[in-house]
Every structure is written in C-alpha cells, then in structure tokens.
Amino acid sequence: MVIEERISRLKNMLDVAVEQGVLIFKSGVQVSPQDIIEEQRVHEESNYVPEFIVKNMNGEIKEIWYGNADKSHYGFA
C-alpha cells in the first residue's frame, strides 16, 4: 500500500502543478501527469523523481523535467 500512497501523492502534486501552468517533460518531450504516473508504476521499487526543476525569477516552478533533461537549454552542461 505504501507504493500506491506514493503514487497517489505524486499524481496529486503533478495535477496541481499542471493546473498552475507548470509544464512537465520526460526525456525532452512534454508529457502529462498520467505519463509520469505510469512510469512510476513500472518502476515501483524506486522513487521516480525529477532531474531538473525550472523556476522563474520569483521562485515559482515553471517546468519539471524527468528522464534525460536537456540542461544545455538552460546553460548547464
């Protein structure tokens, strides 16, 4: 049941983020919260966490990147 609780929390967090205009990417492609949830279900044994989070100057999250994030787009190698 712990896994289902973790997945439920992740889904709620991503749904709220999208409602607030946050974009979600997986390996450079924009995806839906459901795509991330399905990936977590496949990899239940591990926490599926973002690799890169983009914030604006006010500290508000604008993008969440999973998988291979293209950090070079933001000036990171």
N, C-alpha and C. Protein backbone atom coordinates (compact mmCIF):
# COMPACT_ATOMS: atom_id res chain seq x y z
N MET A 1 0.81 -1.21 0.00
CA MET A 1 0.00 0.00 0.00
C MET A 1 0.85 1.26 0.00
N VAL A 2 2.07 1.16 0.49
CA VAL A 2 2.95 2.32 0.53
C VAL A 2 3.20 2.84 -0.89
N ILE A 3 3.37 1.94 -1.83
CA ILE A 3 3.62 2.35 -3.22
C ILE A 3 2.42 3.11 -3.77
N GLU A 4 1.22 2.60 -3.53
CA GLU A 4 0.02 3.29 -4.03
C GLU A 4 -0.14 4.66 -3.40
N GLU A 5 0.21 4.79 -2.13
CA GLU A 5 0.15 6.10 -1.47
C GLU A 5 1.15 7.07 -2.10
N ARG A 6 2.35 6.58 -2.38
CA ARG A 6 3.37 7.41 -3.00
C ARG A 6 2.93 7.84 -4.40
N ILE A 7 2.35 6.93 -5.16
CA ILE A 7 1.87 7.24 -6.50
C ILE A 7 0.72 8.24 -6.42
N SER A 8 -0.16 8.07 -5.47
CA SER A 8 -1.29 8.99 -5.30
C SER A 8 -0.81 10.39 -4.97
N ARG A 9 0.17 10.51 -4.08
CA ARG A 9 0.73 11.82 -3.74
C ARG A 9 1.40 12.47 -4.94
N LEU A 10 2.14 11.67 -5.71
CA LEU A 10 2.80 12.18 -6.91
C LEU A 10 1.77 12.67 -7.91
N LYS A 11 0.72 11.90 -8.12
CA LYS A 11 -0.33 12.29 -9.06
C LYS A 11 -0.99 13.60 -8.63
N ASN A 12 -1.32 13.71 -7.35
CA ASN A 12 -1.94 14.94 -6.86
C ASN A 12 -1.02 16.14 -7.05
N MET A 13 0.27 15.97 -6.74
CA MET A 13 1.23 17.05 -6.89
C MET A 13 1.35 17.48 -8.34
N LEU A 14 1.44 16.52 -9.25
CA LEU A 14 1.57 16.85 -10.67
C LEU A 14 0.29 17.48 -11.23
N ASP A 15 -0.86 16.97 -10.81
CA ASP A 15 -2.14 17.55 -11.27
C ASP A 15 -2.25 19.01 -10.85
N VAL A 16 -1.91 19.31 -9.61
CA VAL A 16 -1.95 20.69 -9.13
C VAL A 16 -0.96 21.55 -9.90
N ALA A 17 0.23 21.03 -10.14
CA ALA A 17 1.25 21.78 -10.87
C ALA A 17 0.75 22.14 -12.27
N VAL A 18 0.17 21.19 -12.96
CA VAL A 18 -0.34 21.44 -14.32
C VAL A 18 -1.46 22.47 -14.28
N GLU A 19 -2.33 22.38 -13.30
CA GLU A 19 -3.41 23.38 -13.15
C GLU A 19 -2.85 24.78 -12.97
N GLN A 20 -1.64 24.87 -12.40
CA GLN A 20 -1.00 26.16 -12.17
C GLN A 20 -0.11 26.59 -13.34
N GLY A 21 -0.17 25.82 -14.44
CA GLY A 21 0.57 26.19 -15.63
C GLY A 21 1.96 25.62 -15.76
N VAL A 22 2.33 24.70 -14.88
CA VAL A 22 3.65 24.08 -14.94
C VAL A 22 3.67 23.06 -16.07
N LEU A 23 4.76 23.06 -16.84
CA LEU A 23 4.94 22.09 -17.92
C LEU A 23 5.76 20.92 -17.39
N ILE A 24 5.42 19.71 -17.83
CA ILE A 24 6.12 18.51 -17.40
C ILE A 24 6.76 17.87 -18.63
N PHE A 25 8.04 17.52 -18.49
CA PHE A 25 8.77 16.92 -19.60
C PHE A 25 9.38 15.60 -19.16
N LYS A 26 9.46 14.66 -20.09
CA LYS A 26 10.15 13.40 -19.86
C LYS A 26 11.06 13.17 -21.05
N SER A 27 12.36 13.13 -20.80
CA SER A 27 13.36 12.95 -21.85
C SER A 27 13.18 13.96 -22.98
N GLY A 28 12.89 15.20 -22.61
CA GLY A 28 12.80 16.28 -23.58
C GLY A 28 11.47 16.46 -24.27
N VAL A 29 10.49 15.62 -23.97
CA VAL A 29 9.17 15.69 -24.60
C VAL A 29 8.14 16.06 -23.55
N GLN A 30 7.27 17.01 -23.88
CA GLN A 30 6.23 17.39 -22.92
C GLN A 30 5.26 16.22 -22.75
N VAL A 31 4.95 15.91 -21.49
CA VAL A 31 4.07 14.79 -21.16
C VAL A 31 3.01 15.23 -20.16
N SER A 32 2.07 14.34 -19.92
CA SER A 32 1.01 14.60 -18.95
C SER A 32 1.39 13.98 -17.61
N PRO A 33 0.70 14.39 -16.55
CA PRO A 33 0.94 13.74 -15.25
C PRO A 33 0.74 12.23 -15.33
N GLN A 34 -0.25 11.80 -16.11
CA GLN A 34 -0.53 10.36 -16.23
C GLN A 34 0.66 9.59 -16.80
N ASP A 35 1.39 10.21 -17.74
CA ASP A 35 2.58 9.55 -18.30
C ASP A 35 3.62 9.31 -17.21
N ILE A 36 3.79 10.27 -16.32
CA ILE A 36 4.76 10.12 -15.23
C ILE A 36 4.27 9.07 -14.23
N ILE A 37 2.98 9.06 -13.97
CA ILE A 37 2.40 8.07 -13.04
C ILE A 37 2.60 6.66 -13.59
N GLU A 38 2.37 6.46 -14.88
CA GLU A 38 2.56 5.14 -15.49
C GLU A 38 4.02 4.71 -15.38
N GLU A 39 4.95 5.65 -15.57
CA GLU A 39 6.37 5.33 -15.43
C GLU A 39 6.69 4.93 -13.99
N GLN A 40 6.11 5.60 -13.01
CA GLN A 40 6.33 5.24 -11.60
C GLN A 40 5.79 3.84 -11.32
N ARG A 41 4.65 3.51 -11.91
CA ARG A 41 4.09 2.16 -11.70
C ARG A 41 5.03 1.09 -12.25
N VAL A 42 5.66 1.37 -13.38
CA VAL A 42 6.59 0.42 -13.99
C VAL A 42 7.82 0.24 -13.10
N HIS A 43 8.25 1.33 -12.47
CA HIS A 43 9.45 1.30 -11.63
C HIS A 43 9.08 1.48 -10.16
N GLU A 44 8.15 0.66 -9.70
CA GLU A 44 7.63 0.77 -8.33
C GLU A 44 8.70 0.74 -7.26
N GLU A 45 9.76 -0.01 -7.50
CA GLU A 45 10.76 -0.21 -6.45
C GLU A 45 11.59 1.04 -6.18
N SER A 46 11.53 2.03 -7.05
CA SER A 46 12.33 3.23 -6.84
C SER A 46 11.45 4.47 -6.86
N ASN A 47 11.94 5.53 -6.27
CA ASN A 47 11.24 6.81 -6.33
C ASN A 47 11.54 7.44 -7.67
N TYR A 48 10.51 7.81 -8.40
CA TYR A 48 10.67 8.46 -9.70
C TYR A 48 10.63 9.95 -9.43
N VAL A 49 11.80 10.56 -9.38
CA VAL A 49 11.89 11.97 -9.01
C VAL A 49 12.40 12.80 -10.17
N PRO A 50 12.05 14.09 -10.19
CA PRO A 50 12.52 14.95 -11.27
C PRO A 50 14.04 15.11 -11.24
N GLU A 51 14.60 15.25 -12.42
CA GLU A 51 16.04 15.52 -12.52
C GLU A 51 16.33 17.00 -12.53
N PHE A 52 15.36 17.81 -12.92
CA PHE A 52 15.62 19.22 -13.14
C PHE A 52 14.31 19.98 -12.96
N ILE A 53 14.32 21.04 -12.18
CA ILE A 53 13.13 21.87 -11.98
C ILE A 53 13.50 23.30 -12.35
N VAL A 54 12.69 23.90 -13.22
CA VAL A 54 12.93 25.27 -13.68
C VAL A 54 12.00 26.20 -12.94
N LYS A 55 12.58 27.25 -12.34
CA LYS A 55 11.78 28.25 -11.63
C LYS A 55 11.97 29.60 -12.31
N ASN A 56 10.99 30.46 -12.15
CA ASN A 56 11.15 31.82 -12.67
C ASN A 56 11.85 32.68 -11.62
N MET A 57 12.01 33.95 -11.92
CA MET A 57 12.73 34.85 -11.01
C MET A 57 12.04 35.00 -9.66
N ASN A 58 10.75 34.70 -9.58
CA ASN A 58 10.01 34.79 -8.33
C ASN A 58 10.05 33.48 -7.53
N GLY A 59 10.75 32.49 -8.07
CA GLY A 59 10.84 31.20 -7.39
C GLY A 59 9.68 30.27 -7.66
N GLU A 60 8.80 30.62 -8.59
CA GLU A 60 7.66 29.77 -8.95
C GLU A 60 8.11 28.70 -9.94
N ILE A 61 7.69 27.48 -9.72
CA ILE A 61 8.06 26.38 -10.62
C ILE A 61 7.34 26.57 -11.95
N LYS A 62 8.10 26.45 -13.05
CA LYS A 62 7.55 26.60 -14.40
C LYS A 62 7.64 25.32 -15.21
N GLU A 63 8.67 24.51 -14.93
CA GLU A 63 8.86 23.25 -15.65
C GLU A 63 9.42 22.21 -14.70
N ILE A 64 8.99 20.96 -14.91
CA ILE A 64 9.53 19.82 -14.17
C ILE A 64 10.01 18.82 -15.22
N TRP A 65 11.27 18.42 -15.12
CA TRP A 65 11.87 17.51 -16.09
C TRP A 65 12.18 16.17 -15.45
N TYR A 66 11.73 15.09 -16.09
CA TYR A 66 12.04 13.72 -15.70
C TYR A 66 12.89 13.11 -16.81
N GLY A 67 13.62 12.05 -16.48
CA GLY A 67 14.43 11.38 -17.50
C GLY A 67 15.64 12.21 -17.86
N ASN A 68 16.02 12.18 -19.10
CA ASN A 68 17.20 12.89 -19.57
C ASN A 68 16.84 14.33 -19.89
N ALA A 69 17.00 15.20 -18.93
CA ALA A 69 16.69 16.62 -19.11
C ALA A 69 17.77 17.27 -19.95
N ASP A 70 17.35 18.11 -20.88
CA ASP A 70 18.30 18.84 -21.72
C ASP A 70 18.70 20.12 -20.99
N LYS A 71 19.64 19.97 -20.05
CA LYS A 71 20.06 21.09 -19.23
C LYS A 71 20.82 22.14 -20.02
N SER A 72 21.36 21.76 -21.19
CA SER A 72 22.12 22.70 -22.00
C SER A 72 21.22 23.85 -22.49
N HIS A 73 19.94 23.56 -22.59
CA HIS A 73 18.97 24.60 -22.99
C HIS A 73 18.97 25.76 -21.98
N TYR A 74 19.31 25.45 -20.74
CA TYR A 74 19.31 26.45 -19.67
C TYR A 74 20.72 26.88 -19.26
N GLY A 75 21.71 26.53 -20.07
CA GLY A 75 23.07 26.96 -19.80
C GLY A 75 23.87 26.04 -18.90
N PHE A 76 23.37 24.84 -18.65
CA PHE A 76 24.10 23.87 -17.85
C PHE A 76 24.64 22.78 -18.78
N ALA A 77 25.81 22.31 -18.51
CA ALA A 77 26.40 21.26 -19.36
C ALA A 77 25.96 19.89 -18.90
